[in-house]
N, C-alpha and C. Protein backbone atom coordinates (compact mmCIF):
# COMPACT_ATOMS: atom_id res chain seq x y z
N MET A 1 -5.84 50.20 -52.29
CA MET A 1 -5.10 49.07 -52.87
C MET A 1 -5.44 48.99 -54.34
N SER A 2 -4.46 48.76 -55.19
CA SER A 2 -4.72 48.67 -56.63
C SER A 2 -5.44 47.38 -56.96
N ILE A 3 -6.05 47.37 -58.15
CA ILE A 3 -6.77 46.17 -58.56
C ILE A 3 -5.81 45.01 -58.72
N SER A 4 -4.60 45.30 -59.23
CA SER A 4 -3.64 44.21 -59.42
C SER A 4 -3.20 43.62 -58.08
N ALA A 5 -3.01 44.50 -57.07
CA ALA A 5 -2.64 44.00 -55.75
C ALA A 5 -3.75 43.19 -55.14
N LEU A 6 -5.00 43.66 -55.31
CA LEU A 6 -6.14 42.92 -54.78
C LEU A 6 -6.24 41.56 -55.42
N CYS A 7 -5.97 41.49 -56.71
CA CYS A 7 -6.04 40.20 -57.39
C CYS A 7 -4.96 39.26 -56.89
N ARG A 8 -3.74 39.85 -56.69
CA ARG A 8 -2.67 39.00 -56.17
C ARG A 8 -3.02 38.43 -54.79
N THR A 9 -3.69 39.28 -53.93
CA THR A 9 -4.07 38.84 -52.59
C THR A 9 -5.12 37.75 -52.66
N SER A 10 -6.13 37.94 -53.50
CA SER A 10 -7.23 36.99 -53.57
C SER A 10 -6.82 35.69 -54.21
N SER A 11 -5.70 35.73 -54.96
CA SER A 11 -5.30 34.51 -55.64
C SER A 11 -4.40 33.63 -54.79
N ARG A 12 -4.01 34.10 -53.61
CA ARG A 12 -3.18 33.27 -52.74
C ARG A 12 -3.94 32.02 -52.31
N ARG A 13 -3.22 30.91 -52.27
CA ARG A 13 -3.87 29.66 -51.83
C ARG A 13 -4.04 29.67 -50.32
N VAL A 14 -5.20 29.21 -49.90
CA VAL A 14 -5.51 29.15 -48.48
C VAL A 14 -5.16 27.76 -47.96
N ASP A 15 -4.32 27.73 -46.92
CA ASP A 15 -3.94 26.45 -46.30
C ASP A 15 -5.11 25.93 -45.48
N PRO A 16 -5.70 24.78 -45.83
CA PRO A 16 -6.88 24.28 -45.09
C PRO A 16 -6.55 23.79 -43.70
N ARG A 17 -5.25 23.56 -43.39
CA ARG A 17 -4.91 23.05 -42.07
C ARG A 17 -5.08 24.14 -41.02
N PRO A 18 -5.67 23.80 -39.85
CA PRO A 18 -5.85 24.82 -38.81
C PRO A 18 -4.51 25.28 -38.30
N ARG A 19 -4.42 26.57 -38.10
CA ARG A 19 -3.19 27.14 -37.58
C ARG A 19 -3.16 26.96 -36.06
N PRO A 20 -2.00 26.58 -35.52
CA PRO A 20 -1.94 26.41 -34.06
C PRO A 20 -2.17 27.72 -33.34
N ARG A 21 -2.94 27.62 -32.22
CA ARG A 21 -3.19 28.80 -31.43
C ARG A 21 -2.01 29.10 -30.52
N PRO A 22 -1.74 30.34 -30.31
CA PRO A 22 -0.76 30.65 -29.24
C PRO A 22 -1.28 30.13 -27.92
N TRP A 23 -0.36 29.74 -27.03
CA TRP A 23 -0.77 29.16 -25.74
C TRP A 23 -1.70 30.09 -24.98
N GLY A 24 -1.44 31.36 -25.08
CA GLY A 24 -2.27 32.29 -24.31
C GLY A 24 -3.72 32.26 -24.70
N SER A 25 -4.03 31.86 -25.93
CA SER A 25 -5.42 31.84 -26.36
C SER A 25 -6.15 30.59 -25.91
N LEU A 26 -5.42 29.61 -25.37
CA LEU A 26 -6.06 28.38 -24.91
C LEU A 26 -6.58 28.50 -23.49
N PHE A 27 -6.14 29.48 -22.75
CA PHE A 27 -6.49 29.62 -21.35
C PHE A 27 -7.20 30.94 -21.11
N ARG A 28 -8.14 30.91 -20.18
CA ARG A 28 -8.73 32.12 -19.67
C ARG A 28 -8.69 32.06 -18.16
N PHE A 29 -8.23 33.10 -17.54
CA PHE A 29 -8.09 33.14 -16.10
C PHE A 29 -9.15 34.05 -15.51
N GLY A 30 -9.81 33.55 -14.48
CA GLY A 30 -10.72 34.37 -13.71
C GLY A 30 -10.20 34.51 -12.30
N PRO A 31 -10.92 35.19 -11.42
CA PRO A 31 -10.45 35.36 -10.04
C PRO A 31 -10.20 34.04 -9.34
N ARG A 32 -11.04 33.04 -9.59
CA ARG A 32 -10.87 31.75 -8.93
C ARG A 32 -10.92 30.59 -9.91
N THR A 33 -10.89 30.87 -11.21
CA THR A 33 -11.08 29.81 -12.18
C THR A 33 -9.99 29.83 -13.24
N LEU A 34 -9.77 28.68 -13.80
CA LEU A 34 -8.93 28.51 -14.98
C LEU A 34 -9.76 27.76 -16.00
N THR A 35 -9.97 28.37 -17.17
CA THR A 35 -10.73 27.73 -18.24
C THR A 35 -9.77 27.24 -19.30
N LEU A 36 -9.78 25.95 -19.53
CA LEU A 36 -8.99 25.36 -20.60
C LEU A 36 -9.95 25.08 -21.73
N LEU A 37 -9.83 25.86 -22.79
CA LEU A 37 -10.83 25.81 -23.87
C LEU A 37 -10.94 24.40 -24.42
N GLY A 38 -12.17 23.95 -24.54
CA GLY A 38 -12.43 22.62 -25.05
C GLY A 38 -12.48 21.55 -23.98
N LEU A 39 -12.03 21.87 -22.76
CA LEU A 39 -12.01 20.86 -21.71
C LEU A 39 -12.85 21.24 -20.50
N GLY A 40 -13.09 22.51 -20.31
CA GLY A 40 -13.94 22.90 -19.20
C GLY A 40 -13.23 23.83 -18.24
N VAL A 41 -13.84 23.98 -17.06
CA VAL A 41 -13.40 24.96 -16.08
C VAL A 41 -12.97 24.25 -14.82
N PHE A 42 -11.83 24.65 -14.30
CA PHE A 42 -11.40 24.18 -12.99
C PHE A 42 -11.51 25.33 -12.02
N CYS A 43 -12.19 25.09 -10.92
CA CYS A 43 -12.44 26.17 -9.95
C CYS A 43 -11.56 25.98 -8.74
N PHE A 44 -10.65 26.92 -8.51
CA PHE A 44 -9.79 26.86 -7.34
C PHE A 44 -10.60 27.20 -6.10
N GLY A 45 -10.50 26.36 -5.10
CA GLY A 45 -11.20 26.65 -3.86
C GLY A 45 -12.64 26.23 -3.86
N CYS A 46 -13.14 25.75 -5.00
CA CYS A 46 -14.54 25.33 -5.05
C CYS A 46 -14.73 23.90 -4.59
N LEU A 47 -13.65 23.14 -4.62
CA LEU A 47 -13.76 21.75 -4.21
C LEU A 47 -13.84 21.65 -2.70
N ALA A 48 -14.66 20.72 -2.23
CA ALA A 48 -14.76 20.51 -0.79
C ALA A 48 -13.45 19.94 -0.28
N SER A 49 -13.09 20.27 0.92
CA SER A 49 -11.88 19.73 1.51
C SER A 49 -12.01 18.22 1.64
N PRO A 50 -10.97 17.46 1.28
CA PRO A 50 -11.08 16.00 1.38
C PRO A 50 -11.28 15.56 2.81
N ARG A 51 -12.11 14.55 2.99
CA ARG A 51 -12.36 14.04 4.33
C ARG A 51 -11.13 13.27 4.79
N ARG A 52 -10.75 13.48 5.99
CA ARG A 52 -9.61 12.75 6.54
C ARG A 52 -10.04 11.33 6.87
N LEU A 53 -9.24 10.39 6.41
CA LEU A 53 -9.57 9.00 6.66
C LEU A 53 -9.47 8.69 8.15
N ALA A 54 -10.39 7.85 8.60
CA ALA A 54 -10.37 7.47 10.02
C ALA A 54 -9.08 6.73 10.33
N ARG A 55 -8.55 6.98 11.48
CA ARG A 55 -7.28 6.39 11.88
C ARG A 55 -7.47 4.89 12.16
N THR A 56 -6.56 4.10 11.61
CA THR A 56 -6.56 2.67 11.91
C THR A 56 -6.21 2.48 13.38
N ASP A 57 -6.96 1.64 14.08
CA ASP A 57 -6.65 1.48 15.50
C ASP A 57 -6.17 0.08 15.87
N LEU A 58 -6.07 -0.83 14.88
CA LEU A 58 -5.60 -2.18 15.17
C LEU A 58 -4.89 -2.72 13.94
N ILE A 59 -3.58 -2.98 14.08
CA ILE A 59 -2.79 -3.48 12.96
C ILE A 59 -2.18 -4.83 13.33
N PHE A 60 -2.40 -5.81 12.47
CA PHE A 60 -1.81 -7.14 12.62
C PHE A 60 -0.56 -7.21 11.75
N VAL A 61 0.57 -7.55 12.38
CA VAL A 61 1.86 -7.52 11.72
C VAL A 61 2.46 -8.93 11.74
N GLY A 62 2.99 -9.37 10.60
CA GLY A 62 3.60 -10.69 10.58
C GLY A 62 3.82 -11.21 9.18
N ASP A 63 3.79 -12.54 9.06
CA ASP A 63 4.08 -13.21 7.80
C ASP A 63 2.80 -13.80 7.22
N SER A 64 2.92 -14.93 6.52
CA SER A 64 1.75 -15.51 5.85
C SER A 64 0.70 -15.99 6.85
N ILE A 65 1.12 -16.40 8.04
CA ILE A 65 0.15 -16.86 9.03
C ILE A 65 -0.75 -15.70 9.45
N THR A 66 -0.16 -14.54 9.61
CA THR A 66 -0.95 -13.34 9.91
C THR A 66 -1.74 -12.90 8.69
N ALA A 67 -1.12 -12.94 7.52
CA ALA A 67 -1.77 -12.45 6.30
C ALA A 67 -3.07 -13.18 6.01
N ALA A 68 -3.15 -14.46 6.38
CA ALA A 68 -4.34 -15.26 6.09
C ALA A 68 -5.41 -15.14 7.17
N GLY A 69 -5.16 -14.36 8.19
CA GLY A 69 -6.10 -14.27 9.31
C GLY A 69 -7.36 -13.48 8.98
N PRO A 70 -8.48 -13.83 9.59
CA PRO A 70 -9.77 -13.16 9.33
C PRO A 70 -9.98 -11.96 10.24
N TRP A 71 -9.02 -11.07 10.33
CA TRP A 71 -9.03 -10.04 11.36
C TRP A 71 -10.14 -9.01 11.17
N GLY A 72 -10.34 -8.59 9.95
CA GLY A 72 -11.39 -7.60 9.71
C GLY A 72 -12.77 -8.12 10.09
N ALA A 73 -13.05 -9.36 9.70
CA ALA A 73 -14.35 -9.95 10.04
C ALA A 73 -14.46 -10.22 11.53
N ALA A 74 -13.34 -10.50 12.18
CA ALA A 74 -13.37 -10.81 13.61
C ALA A 74 -13.61 -9.56 14.46
N PHE A 75 -13.22 -8.41 13.94
CA PHE A 75 -13.37 -7.16 14.69
C PHE A 75 -14.08 -6.12 13.82
N PRO A 76 -15.36 -6.35 13.52
CA PRO A 76 -16.07 -5.47 12.57
C PRO A 76 -16.27 -4.05 13.08
N ASN A 77 -16.20 -3.85 14.37
CA ASN A 77 -16.41 -2.51 14.92
C ASN A 77 -15.12 -1.74 15.14
N ARG A 78 -14.01 -2.30 14.64
CA ARG A 78 -12.73 -1.62 14.76
C ARG A 78 -12.14 -1.39 13.37
N ARG A 79 -11.29 -0.41 13.27
CA ARG A 79 -10.62 -0.11 12.01
C ARG A 79 -9.34 -0.93 11.96
N VAL A 80 -9.41 -2.05 11.24
CA VAL A 80 -8.35 -3.06 11.27
C VAL A 80 -7.55 -3.02 9.97
N LEU A 81 -6.24 -3.14 10.10
CA LEU A 81 -5.35 -3.28 8.95
C LEU A 81 -4.56 -4.57 9.11
N ASN A 82 -4.61 -5.40 8.07
CA ASN A 82 -3.81 -6.63 8.05
C ASN A 82 -2.52 -6.33 7.31
N ALA A 83 -1.42 -6.22 8.06
CA ALA A 83 -0.11 -5.92 7.47
C ALA A 83 0.76 -7.16 7.37
N GLY A 84 0.16 -8.34 7.43
CA GLY A 84 0.92 -9.56 7.25
C GLY A 84 1.33 -9.74 5.79
N VAL A 85 2.55 -10.20 5.57
CA VAL A 85 3.06 -10.40 4.21
C VAL A 85 3.68 -11.80 4.12
N PRO A 86 3.18 -12.66 3.23
CA PRO A 86 3.75 -14.00 3.11
C PRO A 86 5.25 -13.96 2.85
N GLY A 87 5.97 -14.83 3.56
CA GLY A 87 7.41 -14.94 3.37
C GLY A 87 8.25 -13.99 4.19
N TYR A 88 7.62 -13.04 4.87
CA TYR A 88 8.40 -12.05 5.59
C TYR A 88 9.11 -12.64 6.80
N THR A 89 10.34 -12.19 6.99
CA THR A 89 11.11 -12.47 8.19
C THR A 89 11.11 -11.24 9.07
N THR A 90 11.73 -11.34 10.24
CA THR A 90 11.82 -10.16 11.10
C THR A 90 12.71 -9.09 10.48
N VAL A 91 13.65 -9.49 9.64
CA VAL A 91 14.47 -8.50 8.91
C VAL A 91 13.58 -7.67 7.98
N ASP A 92 12.68 -8.34 7.26
CA ASP A 92 11.75 -7.64 6.38
C ASP A 92 10.84 -6.71 7.17
N LEU A 93 10.38 -7.17 8.32
CA LEU A 93 9.47 -6.35 9.12
C LEU A 93 10.17 -5.11 9.64
N LEU A 94 11.42 -5.23 10.02
CA LEU A 94 12.17 -4.05 10.46
C LEU A 94 12.25 -3.01 9.36
N ALA A 95 12.38 -3.45 8.12
CA ALA A 95 12.43 -2.52 7.00
C ALA A 95 11.10 -1.81 6.79
N GLN A 96 10.01 -2.41 7.29
CA GLN A 96 8.68 -1.81 7.14
C GLN A 96 8.30 -0.90 8.30
N LEU A 97 9.19 -0.71 9.24
CA LEU A 97 8.86 0.10 10.42
C LEU A 97 8.35 1.49 10.08
N PRO A 98 8.96 2.22 9.13
CA PRO A 98 8.43 3.57 8.84
C PRO A 98 6.96 3.57 8.43
N SER A 99 6.57 2.63 7.56
CA SER A 99 5.17 2.59 7.13
C SER A 99 4.26 2.10 8.24
N LEU A 100 4.74 1.19 9.08
CA LEU A 100 3.92 0.71 10.19
C LEU A 100 3.70 1.81 11.22
N ARG A 101 4.70 2.63 11.45
CA ARG A 101 4.58 3.71 12.44
C ARG A 101 3.72 4.84 11.91
N ARG A 102 3.63 4.99 10.60
CA ARG A 102 2.89 6.11 10.02
C ARG A 102 1.41 6.08 10.40
N ASP A 103 0.83 4.88 10.52
CA ASP A 103 -0.60 4.78 10.84
C ASP A 103 -0.91 5.12 12.29
N GLN A 104 0.06 4.96 13.18
CA GLN A 104 -0.12 5.26 14.60
C GLN A 104 -1.42 4.66 15.16
N PRO A 105 -1.57 3.34 15.10
CA PRO A 105 -2.76 2.72 15.64
C PRO A 105 -2.73 2.69 17.16
N HIS A 106 -3.85 2.33 17.74
CA HIS A 106 -3.88 2.15 19.19
C HIS A 106 -3.11 0.89 19.58
N THR A 107 -3.24 -0.18 18.74
CA THR A 107 -2.65 -1.47 19.10
C THR A 107 -2.05 -2.16 17.88
N TYR A 108 -0.86 -2.71 18.05
CA TYR A 108 -0.27 -3.64 17.10
C TYR A 108 -0.36 -5.05 17.68
N VAL A 109 -0.62 -6.02 16.82
CA VAL A 109 -0.55 -7.43 17.21
C VAL A 109 0.52 -8.07 16.33
N LEU A 110 1.60 -8.52 16.94
CA LEU A 110 2.77 -8.97 16.19
C LEU A 110 3.06 -10.44 16.45
N MET A 111 3.13 -11.21 15.38
CA MET A 111 3.66 -12.57 15.44
C MET A 111 4.61 -12.75 14.26
N ALA A 112 5.82 -13.18 14.55
CA ALA A 112 6.81 -13.37 13.49
C ALA A 112 7.93 -14.26 14.01
N GLY A 113 8.80 -14.68 13.09
CA GLY A 113 9.98 -15.43 13.48
C GLY A 113 10.12 -16.80 12.84
N ILE A 114 9.02 -17.42 12.46
CA ILE A 114 9.13 -18.79 11.95
C ILE A 114 9.92 -18.84 10.65
N ASN A 115 9.75 -17.84 9.78
CA ASN A 115 10.50 -17.84 8.52
C ASN A 115 11.99 -17.64 8.77
N ASP A 116 12.34 -16.81 9.76
CA ASP A 116 13.75 -16.67 10.12
C ASP A 116 14.34 -18.02 10.51
N LEU A 117 13.63 -18.72 11.38
CA LEU A 117 14.15 -20.00 11.89
C LEU A 117 14.22 -21.05 10.80
N LEU A 118 13.27 -21.04 9.89
CA LEU A 118 13.29 -21.99 8.78
C LEU A 118 14.47 -21.73 7.85
N HIS A 119 14.97 -20.48 7.84
CA HIS A 119 16.12 -20.13 7.01
C HIS A 119 17.43 -20.22 7.79
N GLY A 120 17.38 -20.78 9.00
CA GLY A 120 18.60 -21.03 9.74
C GLY A 120 19.00 -19.99 10.75
N ALA A 121 18.18 -18.94 10.97
CA ALA A 121 18.51 -17.94 11.97
C ALA A 121 18.40 -18.54 13.37
N ARG A 122 19.15 -17.98 14.30
CA ARG A 122 19.11 -18.43 15.68
C ARG A 122 18.03 -17.68 16.44
N ALA A 123 17.46 -18.35 17.43
CA ALA A 123 16.39 -17.76 18.22
C ALA A 123 16.81 -16.44 18.87
N GLU A 124 18.05 -16.37 19.32
CA GLU A 124 18.53 -15.16 20.00
C GLU A 124 18.51 -13.95 19.07
N ALA A 125 18.92 -14.14 17.82
CA ALA A 125 18.93 -13.03 16.87
C ALA A 125 17.51 -12.58 16.53
N VAL A 126 16.60 -13.55 16.40
CA VAL A 126 15.21 -13.20 16.09
C VAL A 126 14.58 -12.45 17.26
N ALA A 127 14.85 -12.90 18.47
CA ALA A 127 14.31 -12.22 19.65
C ALA A 127 14.81 -10.79 19.75
N GLN A 128 16.06 -10.57 19.40
CA GLN A 128 16.61 -9.21 19.43
C GLN A 128 15.91 -8.31 18.43
N ARG A 129 15.62 -8.83 17.25
CA ARG A 129 14.93 -8.02 16.24
C ARG A 129 13.49 -7.72 16.67
N LEU A 130 12.83 -8.68 17.29
CA LEU A 130 11.48 -8.44 17.77
C LEU A 130 11.47 -7.44 18.93
N ALA A 131 12.51 -7.48 19.76
CA ALA A 131 12.62 -6.49 20.83
C ALA A 131 12.80 -5.09 20.25
N LEU A 132 13.55 -4.98 19.16
CA LEU A 132 13.73 -3.68 18.51
C LEU A 132 12.42 -3.19 17.92
N MET A 133 11.62 -4.10 17.37
CA MET A 133 10.32 -3.69 16.85
C MET A 133 9.43 -3.18 17.97
N ARG A 134 9.46 -3.84 19.11
CA ARG A 134 8.68 -3.35 20.26
C ARG A 134 9.15 -1.96 20.66
N GLN A 135 10.44 -1.77 20.70
CA GLN A 135 10.98 -0.48 21.09
C GLN A 135 10.51 0.63 20.15
N GLN A 136 10.39 0.32 18.86
CA GLN A 136 10.03 1.33 17.87
C GLN A 136 8.51 1.54 17.76
N LEU A 137 7.73 0.51 18.03
CA LEU A 137 6.28 0.58 17.81
C LEU A 137 5.49 0.86 19.09
N ALA A 138 5.96 0.34 20.22
CA ALA A 138 5.22 0.52 21.48
C ALA A 138 5.63 1.83 22.14
N THR A 139 5.28 2.92 21.46
CA THR A 139 5.56 4.26 21.97
C THR A 139 4.37 4.74 22.78
N PRO A 140 4.48 5.85 23.51
CA PRO A 140 3.32 6.36 24.25
C PRO A 140 2.11 6.54 23.34
N GLY A 141 1.01 5.94 23.74
CA GLY A 141 -0.20 5.98 22.93
C GLY A 141 -0.39 4.77 22.04
N GLN A 142 0.65 3.95 21.88
CA GLN A 142 0.54 2.73 21.07
C GLN A 142 0.96 1.53 21.92
N ARG A 143 0.19 0.48 21.78
CA ARG A 143 0.47 -0.76 22.49
C ARG A 143 0.85 -1.84 21.49
N LEU A 144 1.78 -2.72 21.86
CA LEU A 144 2.14 -3.84 21.01
C LEU A 144 1.93 -5.13 21.78
N ILE A 145 1.06 -5.97 21.24
CA ILE A 145 0.84 -7.30 21.81
C ILE A 145 1.73 -8.28 21.04
N GLN A 146 2.67 -8.87 21.75
CA GLN A 146 3.56 -9.86 21.15
C GLN A 146 2.95 -11.25 21.29
N VAL A 147 2.69 -11.89 20.16
CA VAL A 147 2.15 -13.24 20.16
C VAL A 147 3.30 -14.23 20.00
N SER A 148 3.27 -15.29 20.77
CA SER A 148 4.33 -16.30 20.66
C SER A 148 4.38 -16.85 19.23
N THR A 149 5.58 -17.20 18.81
CA THR A 149 5.75 -17.80 17.48
C THR A 149 5.16 -19.20 17.49
N LEU A 150 4.29 -19.47 16.54
CA LEU A 150 3.63 -20.77 16.51
C LEU A 150 4.62 -21.88 16.19
N PRO A 151 4.45 -23.04 16.81
CA PRO A 151 5.29 -24.19 16.44
C PRO A 151 4.89 -24.71 15.07
N CYS A 152 5.75 -25.48 14.47
CA CYS A 152 5.42 -26.18 13.24
C CYS A 152 5.45 -27.68 13.56
N GLN A 153 4.96 -28.49 12.66
CA GLN A 153 5.01 -29.93 12.89
C GLN A 153 6.41 -30.45 12.54
N ILE A 154 6.89 -31.41 13.32
CA ILE A 154 8.23 -31.95 13.10
C ILE A 154 8.40 -32.47 11.68
N ARG A 155 7.37 -33.09 11.15
CA ARG A 155 7.47 -33.63 9.79
C ARG A 155 7.63 -32.53 8.76
N ARG A 156 7.21 -31.32 9.10
CA ARG A 156 7.28 -30.20 8.15
C ARG A 156 8.60 -29.44 8.27
N CYS A 157 9.06 -29.19 9.49
CA CYS A 157 10.22 -28.31 9.66
C CYS A 157 11.39 -28.95 10.40
N GLY A 158 11.20 -30.13 10.97
CA GLY A 158 12.29 -30.80 11.65
C GLY A 158 12.37 -30.47 13.13
N ALA A 159 12.96 -31.37 13.88
CA ALA A 159 13.04 -31.22 15.33
C ALA A 159 13.91 -30.04 15.73
N ALA A 160 15.00 -29.78 14.96
CA ALA A 160 15.89 -28.67 15.32
C ALA A 160 15.18 -27.33 15.23
N THR A 161 14.37 -27.13 14.20
CA THR A 161 13.62 -25.87 14.08
C THR A 161 12.59 -25.75 15.19
N LEU A 162 11.94 -26.85 15.51
CA LEU A 162 10.95 -26.81 16.59
C LEU A 162 11.61 -26.44 17.92
N GLU A 163 12.81 -26.92 18.15
CA GLU A 163 13.53 -26.54 19.37
C GLU A 163 13.85 -25.04 19.37
N GLN A 164 14.19 -24.49 18.21
CA GLN A 164 14.46 -23.06 18.12
C GLN A 164 13.20 -22.23 18.36
N VAL A 165 12.05 -22.73 17.91
CA VAL A 165 10.78 -22.05 18.19
C VAL A 165 10.55 -21.99 19.70
N GLU A 166 10.79 -23.12 20.38
CA GLU A 166 10.61 -23.14 21.83
C GLU A 166 11.56 -22.18 22.52
N GLN A 167 12.80 -22.12 22.06
CA GLN A 167 13.77 -21.19 22.63
C GLN A 167 13.37 -19.74 22.37
N LEU A 168 12.91 -19.46 21.17
CA LEU A 168 12.47 -18.10 20.85
C LEU A 168 11.32 -17.67 21.76
N ASN A 169 10.38 -18.54 21.99
CA ASN A 169 9.24 -18.18 22.83
C ASN A 169 9.66 -17.98 24.30
N ARG A 170 10.63 -18.72 24.75
CA ARG A 170 11.14 -18.47 26.10
C ARG A 170 11.75 -17.07 26.19
N LEU A 171 12.49 -16.68 25.16
CA LEU A 171 13.09 -15.36 25.15
C LEU A 171 12.03 -14.26 25.05
N LEU A 172 11.02 -14.48 24.23
CA LEU A 172 9.94 -13.50 24.09
C LEU A 172 9.18 -13.32 25.40
N ARG A 173 8.93 -14.43 26.08
CA ARG A 173 8.23 -14.35 27.36
C ARG A 173 9.05 -13.54 28.37
N ARG A 174 10.36 -13.68 28.30
CA ARG A 174 11.23 -13.00 29.25
C ARG A 174 11.33 -11.50 28.95
N GLN A 175 11.31 -11.11 27.68
CA GLN A 175 11.56 -9.72 27.31
C GLN A 175 10.29 -8.90 27.08
N THR A 176 9.12 -9.52 27.21
CA THR A 176 7.86 -8.83 26.94
C THR A 176 7.08 -8.66 28.23
N PRO A 177 6.51 -7.47 28.46
CA PRO A 177 5.65 -7.31 29.64
C PRO A 177 4.53 -8.35 29.64
N ALA A 178 4.25 -8.92 30.79
CA ALA A 178 3.30 -10.01 30.88
C ALA A 178 1.93 -9.64 30.31
N ALA A 179 1.51 -8.38 30.51
CA ALA A 179 0.20 -7.95 30.03
C ALA A 179 0.12 -7.87 28.51
N ASP A 180 1.31 -7.85 27.85
CA ASP A 180 1.34 -7.69 26.40
C ASP A 180 1.85 -8.94 25.69
N PHE A 181 1.94 -10.06 26.40
CA PHE A 181 2.43 -11.29 25.79
C PHE A 181 1.32 -12.32 25.72
N LEU A 182 1.02 -12.77 24.51
CA LEU A 182 0.02 -13.80 24.31
C LEU A 182 0.73 -15.09 23.94
N ASP A 183 0.75 -16.04 24.85
CA ASP A 183 1.43 -17.31 24.64
C ASP A 183 0.43 -18.35 24.14
N LEU A 184 0.50 -18.65 22.86
CA LEU A 184 -0.40 -19.64 22.26
C LEU A 184 0.13 -21.06 22.38
N THR A 185 1.37 -21.21 22.82
CA THR A 185 2.02 -22.52 22.81
C THR A 185 1.21 -23.61 23.51
N PRO A 186 0.71 -23.40 24.75
CA PRO A 186 -0.01 -24.50 25.41
C PRO A 186 -1.20 -25.02 24.63
N SER A 187 -1.85 -24.16 23.86
CA SER A 187 -3.06 -24.56 23.13
C SER A 187 -2.75 -25.14 21.75
N PHE A 188 -1.55 -24.87 21.24
CA PHE A 188 -1.25 -25.25 19.86
C PHE A 188 -0.22 -26.37 19.74
N LEU A 189 0.44 -26.72 20.81
CA LEU A 189 1.55 -27.67 20.74
C LEU A 189 1.15 -29.04 21.25
N ASP A 190 1.56 -30.09 20.52
CA ASP A 190 1.46 -31.44 21.03
C ASP A 190 2.81 -32.14 20.82
N ALA A 191 2.87 -33.42 20.98
CA ALA A 191 4.15 -34.12 20.93
C ALA A 191 4.83 -34.03 19.57
N GLN A 192 4.07 -33.80 18.53
CA GLN A 192 4.61 -33.73 17.17
C GLN A 192 4.76 -32.29 16.66
N GLY A 193 4.57 -31.33 17.56
CA GLY A 193 4.65 -29.94 17.14
C GLY A 193 3.26 -29.32 17.07
N LEU A 194 2.97 -28.60 16.00
CA LEU A 194 1.67 -27.96 15.82
C LEU A 194 0.57 -29.00 15.74
N ARG A 195 -0.47 -28.82 16.53
CA ARG A 195 -1.58 -29.78 16.55
C ARG A 195 -2.17 -29.97 15.16
N PRO A 196 -2.37 -31.20 14.72
CA PRO A 196 -2.87 -31.44 13.36
C PRO A 196 -4.27 -30.93 13.11
N ASP A 197 -5.08 -30.80 14.16
CA ASP A 197 -6.44 -30.32 13.97
C ASP A 197 -6.51 -28.81 13.82
N LEU A 198 -5.36 -28.11 13.94
CA LEU A 198 -5.35 -26.65 13.85
C LEU A 198 -4.57 -26.15 12.64
N THR A 199 -4.13 -27.07 11.78
CA THR A 199 -3.28 -26.66 10.67
C THR A 199 -3.72 -27.27 9.35
N THR A 200 -3.36 -26.60 8.28
CA THR A 200 -3.66 -27.11 6.94
C THR A 200 -2.51 -27.91 6.36
N ASP A 201 -1.28 -27.58 6.79
CA ASP A 201 -0.11 -28.18 6.15
C ASP A 201 1.06 -28.41 7.11
N GLY A 202 0.82 -28.33 8.40
CA GLY A 202 1.89 -28.49 9.36
C GLY A 202 2.58 -27.20 9.74
N LEU A 203 2.17 -26.09 9.11
CA LEU A 203 2.77 -24.79 9.39
C LEU A 203 1.72 -23.68 9.49
N HIS A 204 0.80 -23.64 8.53
CA HIS A 204 -0.23 -22.61 8.49
C HIS A 204 -1.50 -23.08 9.19
N LEU A 205 -2.31 -22.11 9.60
CA LEU A 205 -3.49 -22.42 10.39
C LEU A 205 -4.72 -22.64 9.51
N ASN A 206 -5.61 -23.50 10.01
CA ASN A 206 -6.93 -23.62 9.41
C ASN A 206 -7.91 -22.75 10.20
N ARG A 207 -9.17 -22.85 9.88
CA ARG A 207 -10.16 -22.01 10.55
C ARG A 207 -10.19 -22.26 12.06
N ALA A 208 -10.09 -23.52 12.45
CA ALA A 208 -10.09 -23.84 13.88
C ALA A 208 -8.89 -23.22 14.58
N GLY A 209 -7.75 -23.17 13.89
CA GLY A 209 -6.57 -22.55 14.46
C GLY A 209 -6.75 -21.06 14.69
N TYR A 210 -7.34 -20.37 13.71
CA TYR A 210 -7.59 -18.93 13.89
C TYR A 210 -8.65 -18.68 14.96
N ASP A 211 -9.64 -19.55 15.03
CA ASP A 211 -10.64 -19.40 16.09
C ASP A 211 -9.99 -19.52 17.47
N GLN A 212 -9.07 -20.45 17.61
CA GLN A 212 -8.37 -20.62 18.88
C GLN A 212 -7.53 -19.38 19.20
N TRP A 213 -6.84 -18.85 18.21
CA TRP A 213 -6.05 -17.64 18.39
C TRP A 213 -6.93 -16.47 18.83
N LEU A 214 -8.04 -16.28 18.13
CA LEU A 214 -8.94 -15.17 18.45
C LEU A 214 -9.55 -15.31 19.85
N GLN A 215 -9.86 -16.54 20.22
CA GLN A 215 -10.44 -16.77 21.53
C GLN A 215 -9.51 -16.27 22.64
N GLN A 216 -8.21 -16.44 22.45
CA GLN A 216 -7.25 -16.00 23.47
C GLN A 216 -6.85 -14.52 23.30
N LEU A 217 -7.01 -14.00 22.10
CA LEU A 217 -6.62 -12.61 21.84
C LEU A 217 -7.67 -11.61 22.33
N ARG A 218 -8.93 -11.95 22.17
CA ARG A 218 -9.99 -10.99 22.48
C ARG A 218 -9.90 -10.39 23.88
N PRO A 219 -9.66 -11.18 24.92
CA PRO A 219 -9.58 -10.58 26.26
C PRO A 219 -8.49 -9.51 26.38
N LEU A 220 -7.42 -9.63 25.61
CA LEU A 220 -6.35 -8.64 25.67
C LEU A 220 -6.72 -7.34 24.98
N LEU A 221 -7.71 -7.40 24.11
CA LEU A 221 -8.12 -6.21 23.36
C LEU A 221 -9.34 -5.53 23.95
N GLU A 222 -9.91 -6.14 24.94
CA GLU A 222 -11.08 -5.51 25.56
C GLU A 222 -10.64 -4.29 26.36
N PRO A 223 -11.45 -3.20 26.32
CA PRO A 223 -11.06 -1.98 27.05
C PRO A 223 -10.97 -2.24 28.54
């Protein structure tokens, strides 16, 4: 190279900004590894297989009355899922069937219907939807315990709604196998509807109400 060419080369300004690397220079591949320069190494096959989560064996399904229940604490030796959702009607629960079936528990405990009736649905329509839920959930290997719909106090929901609750429970008793029907009505109902000592607001349960429910539920869940 001539001296003049060398001078021209040495006189070029050097751009201080780092030049971007081609993508290929950022990665190094090994037999089981991928190295991303500056970030570390990921090893294919080196990670332990994820542990499979234990199968839920008891799912409580319903509305806000179910959602507020102390089910996990009441059954500490069982894998319990509380699937109660405040405000849910039986229409909403039917939409949740795919996710409820995915867990494949040993037992479902279902109470629902009061929100339907409060919104003007007829007992017959609610009973039909609950029968469909039983048909979909109580498959071989899964049991569904149908709990009677709790009454509300007349001052809270009116006499007409309370009559629909009574009609719904008559239909549930008729369409549910006796071994899978838990009728709470005799213990929870008085002349004004839901017993005042078992409720916080004429509709939802207090601790004594849940204790009463659990007292009657436990024998049905014993092996």
